[in-house]
Amino acid sequence: MNDQVRLDLQRRKRLGMVEAVWGEHKTAAQIAAILVELHQQDELALATRVDAEKAEAVQQLLADQPMLQKQLHVHRQARCLSLGQPATQQPQLGEVVVLSGGTSDLTVAAEAELALRWHGIRCTLVLDVGVAGLHRLLNALPGLEQASVLIACAGMEGALPTVLAGLVPQPVIGVPVSVGYGVSAGGHAALHSMLASCAPGISVVNIDNGYGAAMAALRILNSVAAQDLNNASARAAAPAP
């Protein structure tokens, strides 16, 4: 096992992020071995892009370890495996709202939501608010006011993040999704559209990268919280007038 991977056991301490395991191109045996080692190190684990068949194979490989099995969870909608319990919720960091243009984007949106909840971030899913029916997004706007960061997942032409960023002041992270006919080209049309957005300040991650969008949102929230803490410390240390 040690010859195949080198686990980043300090990532949570260094970055505030649980190490994630890219599962799509790993075998079930490799994933199972990584989960065992993380469990032995008393670390949390999140494996992404694990389909139902591979998840079942991982469960079978770990069937002789009942204590580990109890902590292993399959998240079919998000195509993920998790080991352990999510971090304690930290409401002081704020809330992230994950939006999807349609239900076809749900897998990517669910991956983003799970990754945020895994790190103790309050997260809400708002589904099927694509711009093909703009009234749906407009009706959802009042519910977005409390959010600190917005993640918008969209396939086809990927217009949702641009429209959203023109309506709300929060940071918007666009996630192009590999959904759409012909020239959508597996999400490349949505990616190019988001990168060429006329709404200033949009951040864009790679195609289908719900996890990456979640970690971008986490960095924003942690940075704001750190700055607030520094400001509070500076005020406390300032001499009285």
C-alpha atoms as a PDB file:
ATOM      1  CA  MET A   1       0.000   0.000   0.000  1.00  0.00           C
ATOM      2  CA  ASN A   2       2.728   2.485   0.955  1.00  0.00           C
ATOM      3  CA  ASP A   3       4.402   1.886  -2.401  1.00  0.00           C
ATOM      4  CA  GLN A   4       1.247   2.985  -4.239  1.00  0.00           C
ATOM      5  CA  VAL A   5       0.103   6.127  -2.409  1.00  0.00           C
ATOM      6  CA  ARG A   6       1.388   8.710   0.020  1.00  0.00           C
ATOM      7  CA  LEU A   7      -1.470  10.009   2.107  1.00  0.00           C
ATOM      8  CA  ASP A   8      -1.511  13.663   3.074  1.00  0.00           C
ATOM      9  CA  LEU A   9      -2.316  13.204   6.748  1.00  0.00           C
ATOM     10  CA  GLN A  10      -1.571  16.851   7.574  1.00  0.00           C
ATOM     11  CA  ARG A  11      -3.999  18.353   5.065  1.00  0.00           C
ATOM     12  CA  ARG A  12      -6.763  18.950   7.594  1.00  0.00           C
ATOM     13  CA  LYS A  13      -4.360  20.738   9.954  1.00  0.00           C
ATOM     14  CA  ARG A  14      -2.615  22.660   7.152  1.00  0.00           C
ATOM     15  CA  LEU A  15      -5.564  23.631   4.962  1.00  0.00           C
ATOM     16  CA  GLY A  16      -8.661  22.847   6.993  1.00  0.00           C
ATOM     17  CA  MET A  17      -9.616  20.233   4.391  1.00  0.00           C
ATOM     18  CA  VAL A  18     -10.107  16.506   4.700  1.00  0.00           C
ATOM     19  CA  GLU A  19      -8.024  14.563   2.193  1.00  0.00           C
ATOM     20  CA  ALA A  20     -10.203  13.520  -0.733  1.00  0.00           C
ATOM     21  CA  VAL A  21      -9.631  10.360  -2.727  1.00  0.00           C
ATOM     22  CA  TRP A  22     -10.265  10.442  -6.477  1.00  0.00           C
ATOM     23  CA  GLY A  23     -12.093   7.164  -6.936  1.00  0.00           C
ATOM     24  CA  GLU A  24     -12.934   6.987 -10.629  1.00  0.00           C
ATOM     25  CA  HIS A  25      -9.581   5.677 -11.820  1.00  0.00           C
ATOM     26  CA  LYS A  26      -8.725   3.658  -8.716  1.00  0.00           C
ATOM     27  CA  THR A  27      -9.681   0.048  -8.239  1.00  0.00           C
ATOM     28  CA  ALA A  28     -11.982  -0.988  -5.427  1.00  0.00           C
ATOM     29  CA  ALA A  29      -8.992  -2.662  -3.777  1.00  0.00           C
ATOM     30  CA  GLN A  30      -6.954   0.552  -3.892  1.00  0.00           C
ATOM     31  CA  ILE A  31      -9.812   2.584  -2.427  1.00  0.00           C
ATOM     32  CA  ALA A  32     -10.397   0.028   0.315  1.00  0.00           C
ATOM     33  CA  ALA A  33      -6.696  -0.006   1.240  1.00  0.00           C
ATOM     34  CA  ILE A  34      -6.618   3.796   1.428  1.00  0.00           C
ATOM     35  CA  LEU A  35      -9.708   3.843   3.645  1.00  0.00           C
ATOM     36  CA  VAL A  36      -8.145   1.283   5.971  1.00  0.00           C
ATOM     37  CA  GLU A  37      -4.985   3.341   6.334  1.00  0.00           C
ATOM     38  CA  LEU A  38      -6.909   6.573   6.945  1.00  0.00           C
ATOM     39  CA  HIS A  39      -9.028   4.759   9.518  1.00  0.00           C
ATOM     40  CA  GLN A  40      -5.904   3.509  11.268  1.00  0.00           C
ATOM     41  CA  GLN A  41      -4.587   7.084  11.354  1.00  0.00           C
ATOM     42  CA  ASP A  42      -7.906   8.249  12.876  1.00  0.00           C
ATOM     43  CA  GLU A  43      -8.543  10.456   9.856  1.00  0.00           C
ATOM     44  CA  LEU A  44     -11.745  11.201   7.987  1.00  0.00           C
ATOM     45  CA  ALA A  45     -11.996  10.218   4.344  1.00  0.00           C
ATOM     46  CA  LEU A  46     -14.054  11.261   1.353  1.00  0.00           C
ATOM     47  CA  ALA A  47     -13.782   9.332  -1.907  1.00  0.00           C
ATOM     48  CA  THR A  48     -15.326  11.005  -4.946  1.00  0.00           C
ATOM     49  CA  ARG A  49     -16.482   9.652  -8.315  1.00  0.00           C
ATOM     50  CA  VAL A  50     -17.256   6.168  -7.006  1.00  0.00           C
ATOM     51  CA  ASP A  51     -20.082   4.516  -8.926  1.00  0.00           C
ATOM     52  CA  ALA A  52     -22.552   2.114  -7.326  1.00  0.00           C
ATOM     53  CA  GLU A  53     -20.794  -1.031  -8.548  1.00  0.00           C
ATOM     54  CA  LYS A  54     -17.397   0.054  -7.235  1.00  0.00           C
ATOM     55  CA  ALA A  55     -18.907   1.216  -3.937  1.00  0.00           C
ATOM     56  CA  GLU A  56     -20.437  -2.226  -3.431  1.00  0.00           C
ATOM     57  CA  ALA A  57     -17.086  -3.852  -4.201  1.00  0.00           C
ATOM     58  CA  VAL A  58     -15.358  -1.645  -1.614  1.00  0.00           C
ATOM     59  CA  GLN A  59     -17.971  -2.600   0.974  1.00  0.00           C
ATOM     60  CA  GLN A  60     -17.394  -6.301   0.259  1.00  0.00           C
ATOM     61  CA  LEU A  61     -13.623  -5.896   0.593  1.00  0.00           C
ATOM     62  CA  LEU A  62     -14.108  -4.301   4.014  1.00  0.00           C
ATOM     63  CA  ALA A  63     -16.743  -6.791   5.185  1.00  0.00           C
ATOM     64  CA  ASP A  64     -14.299  -8.400   7.635  1.00  0.00           C
ATOM     65  CA  GLN A  65     -13.774  -5.081   9.460  1.00  0.00           C
ATOM     66  CA  PRO A  66     -17.081  -4.368  11.237  1.00  0.00           C
ATOM     67  CA  MET A  67     -15.846  -1.271  13.086  1.00  0.00           C
ATOM     68  CA  LEU A  68     -14.743   0.327   9.841  1.00  0.00           C
ATOM     69  CA  GLN A  69     -17.908  -0.822   8.061  1.00  0.00           C
ATOM     70  CA  LYS A  70     -20.017   1.052  10.611  1.00  0.00           C
ATOM     71  CA  GLN A  71     -18.268   4.292   9.663  1.00  0.00           C
ATOM     72  CA  LEU A  72     -18.433   3.732   5.907  1.00  0.00           C
ATOM     73  CA  HIS A  73     -21.267   5.494   4.107  1.00  0.00           C
ATOM     74  CA  VAL A  74     -22.283   5.306   0.459  1.00  0.00           C
ATOM     75  CA  HIS A  75     -23.695   8.511  -1.037  1.00  0.00           C
ATOM     76  CA  ARG A  76     -25.192   7.228  -4.278  1.00  0.00           C
ATOM     77  CA  GLN A  77     -26.590  10.532  -5.486  1.00  0.00           C
ATOM     78  CA  ALA A  78     -23.217  12.246  -5.083  1.00  0.00           C
ATOM     79  CA  ARG A  79     -21.254   9.167  -6.242  1.00  0.00           C
ATOM     80  CA  CYS A  80     -19.104   9.325  -3.121  1.00  0.00           C
ATOM     81  CA  LEU A  81     -17.947   7.224  -0.193  1.00  0.00           C
ATOM     82  CA  SER A  82     -17.243   8.698   3.215  1.00  0.00           C
ATOM     83  CA  LEU A  83     -15.550   7.279   6.273  1.00  0.00           C
ATOM     84  CA  GLY A  84     -16.290   8.610   9.742  1.00  0.00           C
ATOM     85  CA  GLN A  85     -18.668  11.360  10.809  1.00  0.00           C
ATOM     86  CA  PRO A  86     -18.837  14.839   9.271  1.00  0.00           C
ATOM     87  CA  ALA A  87     -17.114  17.683  11.084  1.00  0.00           C
ATOM     88  CA  THR A  88     -19.171  19.493  13.691  1.00  0.00           C
ATOM     89  CA  GLN A  89     -21.283  22.131  12.014  1.00  0.00           C
ATOM     90  CA  GLN A  90     -19.754  25.614  12.175  1.00  0.00           C
ATOM     91  CA  PRO A  91     -22.613  28.068  11.669  1.00  0.00           C
ATOM     92  CA  GLN A  92     -20.297  30.995  12.362  1.00  0.00           C
ATOM     93  CA  LEU A  93     -18.603  30.356   9.018  1.00  0.00           C
ATOM     94  CA  GLY A  94     -21.805  31.047   7.097  1.00  0.00           C
ATOM     95  CA  GLU A  95     -23.920  29.099   4.649  1.00  0.00           C
ATOM     96  CA  VAL A  96     -23.362  28.005   1.063  1.00  0.00           C
ATOM     97  CA  VAL A  97     -26.231  27.547  -1.372  1.00  0.00           C
ATOM     98  CA  VAL A  98     -25.671  25.129  -4.249  1.00  0.00           C
ATOM     99  CA  LEU A  99     -27.927  25.753  -7.247  1.00  0.00           C
ATOM    100  CA  SER A 100     -28.481  23.560 -10.281  1.00  0.00           C
ATOM    101  CA  GLY A 101     -29.858  24.505 -13.656  1.00  0.00           C
ATOM    102  CA  GLY A 102     -31.783  21.237 -13.847  1.00  0.00           C
ATOM    103  CA  THR A 103     -32.122  17.881 -12.165  1.00  0.00           C
ATOM    104  CA  SER A 104     -29.612  16.479 -14.676  1.00  0.00           C
ATOM    105  CA  ASP A 105     -26.991  18.513 -12.784  1.00  0.00           C
ATOM    106  CA  LEU A 106     -27.934  16.941  -9.464  1.00  0.00           C
ATOM    107  CA  THR A 107     -25.030  14.506  -9.188  1.00  0.00           C
ATOM    108  CA  VAL A 108     -22.472  17.320  -9.413  1.00  0.00           C
ATOM    109  CA  ALA A 109     -24.486  19.570  -7.089  1.00  0.00           C
ATOM    110  CA  ALA A 110     -24.848  16.729  -4.578  1.00  0.00           C
ATOM    111  CA  GLU A 111     -21.073  16.174  -4.611  1.00  0.00           C
ATOM    112  CA  ALA A 112     -20.540  19.848  -3.755  1.00  0.00           C
ATOM    113  CA  GLU A 113     -23.157  19.759  -1.005  1.00  0.00           C
ATOM    114  CA  LEU A 114     -21.707  16.600   0.560  1.00  0.00           C
ATOM    115  CA  ALA A 115     -18.153  17.970   0.502  1.00  0.00           C
ATOM    116  CA  LEU A 116     -19.293  21.125   2.302  1.00  0.00           C
ATOM    117  CA  ARG A 117     -21.348  19.276   4.907  1.00  0.00           C
ATOM    118  CA  TRP A 118     -18.377  16.953   5.447  1.00  0.00           C
ATOM    119  CA  HIS A 119     -16.401  20.027   6.540  1.00  0.00           C
ATOM    120  CA  GLY A 120     -19.111  21.326   8.876  1.00  0.00           C
ATOM    121  CA  ILE A 121     -20.485  23.983   6.515  1.00  0.00           C
ATOM    122  CA  ARG A 122     -24.212  24.608   6.394  1.00  0.00           C
ATOM    123  CA  CYS A 123     -25.369  23.969   2.853  1.00  0.00           C
ATOM    124  CA  THR A 124     -28.679  24.133   0.999  1.00  0.00           C
ATOM    125  CA  LEU A 125     -29.552  22.696  -2.406  1.00  0.00           C
ATOM    126  CA  VAL A 126     -31.765  24.733  -4.732  1.00  0.00           C
ATOM    127  CA  LEU A 127     -32.610  22.623  -7.769  1.00  0.00           C
ATOM    128  CA  ASP A 128     -34.029  23.222 -11.225  1.00  0.00           C
ATOM    129  CA  VAL A 129     -33.635  27.011 -11.452  1.00  0.00           C
ATOM    130  CA  GLY A 130     -32.097  27.147 -14.920  1.00  0.00           C
ATOM    131  CA  VAL A 131     -32.479  30.183 -17.139  1.00  0.00           C
ATOM    132  CA  ALA A 132     -34.794  28.389 -19.567  1.00  0.00           C
ATOM    133  CA  GLY A 133     -37.478  29.410 -17.075  1.00  0.00           C
ATOM    134  CA  LEU A 134     -36.028  32.574 -15.564  1.00  0.00           C
ATOM    135  CA  HIS A 135     -38.989  33.020 -13.227  1.00  0.00           C
ATOM    136  CA  ARG A 136     -37.796  29.954 -11.284  1.00  0.00           C
ATOM    137  CA  LEU A 137     -34.516  31.648 -10.419  1.00  0.00           C
ATOM    138  CA  LEU A 138     -36.186  34.965  -9.654  1.00  0.00           C
ATOM    139  CA  ASN A 139     -38.587  33.221  -7.287  1.00  0.00           C
ATOM    140  CA  ALA A 140     -35.627  31.625  -5.495  1.00  0.00           C
ATOM    141  CA  LEU A 141     -33.706  34.884  -4.938  1.00  0.00           C
ATOM    142  CA  PRO A 142     -35.204  35.743  -1.510  1.00  0.00           C
ATOM    143  CA  GLY A 143     -33.938  32.409  -0.188  1.00  0.00           C
ATOM    144  CA  LEU A 144     -30.388  33.220  -1.285  1.00  0.00           C
ATOM    145  CA  GLU A 145     -30.000  36.364   0.803  1.00  0.00           C
ATOM    146  CA  GLN A 146     -28.601  34.511   3.830  1.00  0.00           C
ATOM    147  CA  ALA A 147     -25.935  32.688   1.810  1.00  0.00           C
ATOM    148  CA  SER A 148     -22.272  33.676   2.089  1.00  0.00           C
ATOM    149  CA  VAL A 149     -21.246  31.925  -1.134  1.00  0.00           C
ATOM    150  CA  LEU A 150     -23.221  30.541  -4.084  1.00  0.00           C
ATOM    151  CA  ILE A 151     -22.239  27.574  -6.239  1.00  0.00           C
ATOM    152  CA  ALA A 152     -24.076  27.345  -9.564  1.00  0.00           C
ATOM    153  CA  CYS A 153     -23.984  24.063 -11.504  1.00  0.00           C
ATOM    154  CA  ALA A 154     -25.188  24.148 -15.101  1.00  0.00           C
ATOM    155  CA  GLY A 155     -24.816  22.227 -18.330  1.00  0.00           C
ATOM    156  CA  MET A 156     -26.016  23.118 -21.846  1.00  0.00           C
ATOM    157  CA  GLU A 157     -24.788  26.710 -22.427  1.00  0.00           C
ATOM    158  CA  GLY A 158     -23.974  27.181 -18.737  1.00  0.00           C
ATOM    159  CA  ALA A 159     -25.718  30.548 -18.369  1.00  0.00           C
ATOM    160  CA  LEU A 160     -26.917  30.176 -14.777  1.00  0.00           C
ATOM    161  CA  PRO A 161     -23.780  31.547 -13.005  1.00  0.00           C
ATOM    162  CA  THR A 162     -23.698  34.646 -15.239  1.00  0.00           C
ATOM    163  CA  VAL A 163     -27.362  35.477 -14.645  1.00  0.00           C
ATOM    164  CA  LEU A 164     -27.009  34.770 -10.934  1.00  0.00           C
ATOM    165  CA  ALA A 165     -23.912  36.953 -10.584  1.00  0.00           C
ATOM    166  CA  GLY A 166     -25.795  39.830 -12.207  1.00  0.00           C
ATOM    167  CA  LEU A 167     -28.513  39.628  -9.546  1.00  0.00           C
ATOM    168  CA  VAL A 168     -26.755  38.967  -6.229  1.00  0.00           C
ATOM    169  CA  PRO A 169     -23.664  40.396  -4.481  1.00  0.00           C
ATOM    170  CA  GLN A 170     -22.194  37.183  -3.043  1.00  0.00           C
ATOM    171  CA  PRO A 171     -19.246  35.305  -4.559  1.00  0.00           C
ATOM    172  CA  VAL A 172     -20.494  32.983  -7.308  1.00  0.00           C
ATOM    173  CA  ILE A 173     -18.611  29.822  -8.261  1.00  0.00           C
ATOM    174  CA  GLY A 174     -19.631  28.330 -11.584  1.00  0.00           C
ATOM    175  CA  VAL A 175     -19.497  24.582 -12.204  1.00  0.00           C
ATOM    176  CA  PRO A 176     -19.906  23.524 -15.849  1.00  0.00           C
ATOM    177  CA  VAL A 177     -21.701  20.202 -16.094  1.00  0.00           C
ATOM    178  CA  SER A 178     -21.277  17.620 -18.853  1.00  0.00           C
ATOM    179  CA  VAL A 179     -24.965  17.707 -19.823  1.00  0.00           C
ATOM    180  CA  GLY A 180     -26.300  18.749 -23.213  1.00  0.00           C
ATOM    181  CA  TYR A 181     -26.746  17.832 -26.845  1.00  0.00           C
ATOM    182  CA  GLY A 182     -24.051  17.669 -29.537  1.00  0.00           C
ATOM    183  CA  VAL A 183     -22.126  20.929 -29.453  1.00  0.00           C
ATOM    184  CA  SER A 184     -22.310  20.997 -25.670  1.00  0.00           C
ATOM    185  CA  ALA A 185     -19.296  18.704 -26.081  1.00  0.00           C
ATOM    186  CA  GLY A 186     -19.414  17.066 -22.689  1.00  0.00           C
ATOM    187  CA  GLY A 187     -19.521  20.339 -20.773  1.00  0.00           C
ATOM    188  CA  HIS A 188     -16.950  22.269 -22.803  1.00  0.00           C
ATOM    189  CA  ALA A 189     -19.577  24.702 -24.131  1.00  0.00           C
ATOM    190  CA  ALA A 190     -20.700  25.455 -20.576  1.00  0.00           C
ATOM    191  CA  LEU A 191     -17.075  25.825 -19.446  1.00  0.00           C
ATOM    192  CA  HIS A 192     -16.239  28.277 -22.233  1.00  0.00           C
ATOM    193  CA  SER A 193     -19.451  30.208 -21.619  1.00  0.00           C
ATOM    194  CA  MET A 194     -18.665  30.607 -17.918  1.00  0.00           C
ATOM    195  CA  LEU A 195     -15.067  31.614 -18.625  1.00  0.00           C
ATOM    196  CA  ALA A 196     -16.322  34.221 -21.100  1.00  0.00           C
ATOM    197  CA  SER A 197     -18.989  35.526 -18.709  1.00  0.00           C
ATOM    198  CA  CYS A 198     -19.790  39.236 -18.852  1.00  0.00           C
ATOM    199  CA  ALA A 199     -20.651  39.231 -15.130  1.00  0.00           C
ATOM    200  CA  PRO A 200     -17.479  40.374 -13.336  1.00  0.00           C
ATOM    201  CA  GLY A 201     -15.977  38.341 -10.532  1.00  0.00           C
ATOM    202  CA  ILE A 202     -17.278  34.861 -11.311  1.00  0.00           C
ATOM    203  CA  SER A 203     -14.976  32.008 -10.375  1.00  0.00           C
ATOM    204  CA  VAL A 204     -15.117  28.856 -12.519  1.00  0.00           C
ATOM    205  CA  VAL A 205     -13.928  25.335 -11.760  1.00  0.00           C
ATOM    206  CA  ASN A 206     -13.433  22.397 -14.088  1.00  0.00           C
ATOM    207  CA  ILE A 207     -16.200  20.361 -15.709  1.00  0.00           C
ATOM    208  CA  ASP A 208     -18.266  18.361 -13.181  1.00  0.00           C
ATOM    209  CA  ASN A 209     -15.934  19.426 -10.348  1.00  0.00           C
ATOM    210  CA  GLY A 210     -18.453  19.822  -7.555  1.00  0.00           C
ATOM    211  CA  TYR A 211     -15.798  18.949  -4.972  1.00  0.00           C
ATOM    212  CA  GLY A 212     -13.455  21.654  -6.267  1.00  0.00           C
ATOM    213  CA  ALA A 213     -16.226  24.246  -6.115  1.00  0.00           C
ATOM    214  CA  ALA A 214     -16.976  23.229  -2.534  1.00  0.00           C
ATOM    215  CA  MET A 215     -13.344  23.630  -1.520  1.00  0.00           C
ATOM    216  CA  ALA A 216     -13.188  27.052  -3.209  1.00  0.00           C
ATOM    217  CA  ALA A 217     -16.213  28.088  -1.149  1.00  0.00           C
ATOM    218  CA  LEU A 218     -14.583  26.660   1.995  1.00  0.00           C
ATOM    219  CA  ARG A 219     -11.440  28.712   1.379  1.00  0.00           C
ATOM    220  CA  ILE A 220     -13.545  31.873   1.040  1.00  0.00           C
ATOM    221  CA  LEU A 221     -15.432  31.179   4.265  1.00  0.00           C
ATOM    222  CA  ASN A 222     -12.278  30.309   6.208  1.00  0.00           C
ATOM    223  CA  SER A 223     -10.492  33.407   4.902  1.00  0.00           C
ATOM    224  CA  VAL A 224     -13.334  35.696   5.965  1.00  0.00           C
ATOM    225  CA  ALA A 225     -13.489  34.037   9.391  1.00  0.00           C
ATOM    226  CA  ALA A 226      -9.717  34.426   9.853  1.00  0.00           C
ATOM    227  CA  GLN A 227      -9.884  38.099   8.889  1.00  0.00           C
ATOM    228  CA  ASP A 228     -12.758  38.681  11.313  1.00  0.00           C
ATOM    229  CA  LEU A 229     -10.719  37.021  14.065  1.00  0.00           C
ATOM    230  CA  ASN A 230      -7.677  39.167  13.276  1.00  0.00           C
ATOM    231  CA  ASN A 231      -9.786  42.324  13.321  1.00  0.00           C
ATOM    232  CA  ALA A 232     -11.341  41.367  16.652  1.00  0.00           C
ATOM    233  CA  SER A 233      -7.897  40.688  18.129  1.00  0.00           C
ATOM    234  CA  ALA A 234      -6.623  44.036  16.863  1.00  0.00           C
ATOM    235  CA  ARG A 235      -9.560  45.868  18.411  1.00  0.00           C
ATOM    236  CA  ALA A 236      -9.062  44.078  21.732  1.00  0.00           C
ATOM    237  CA  ALA A 237      -5.378  45.001  21.766  1.00  0.00           C
ATOM    238  CA  ALA A 238      -5.928  48.647  20.852  1.00  0.00           C
ATOM    239  CA  PRO A 239      -5.438  51.102  23.718  1.00  0.00           C
ATOM    240  CA  ALA A 240      -8.583  52.647  25.143  1.00  0.00           C
ATOM    241  CA  PRO A 241      -9.288  56.168  23.824  1.00  0.00           C
END
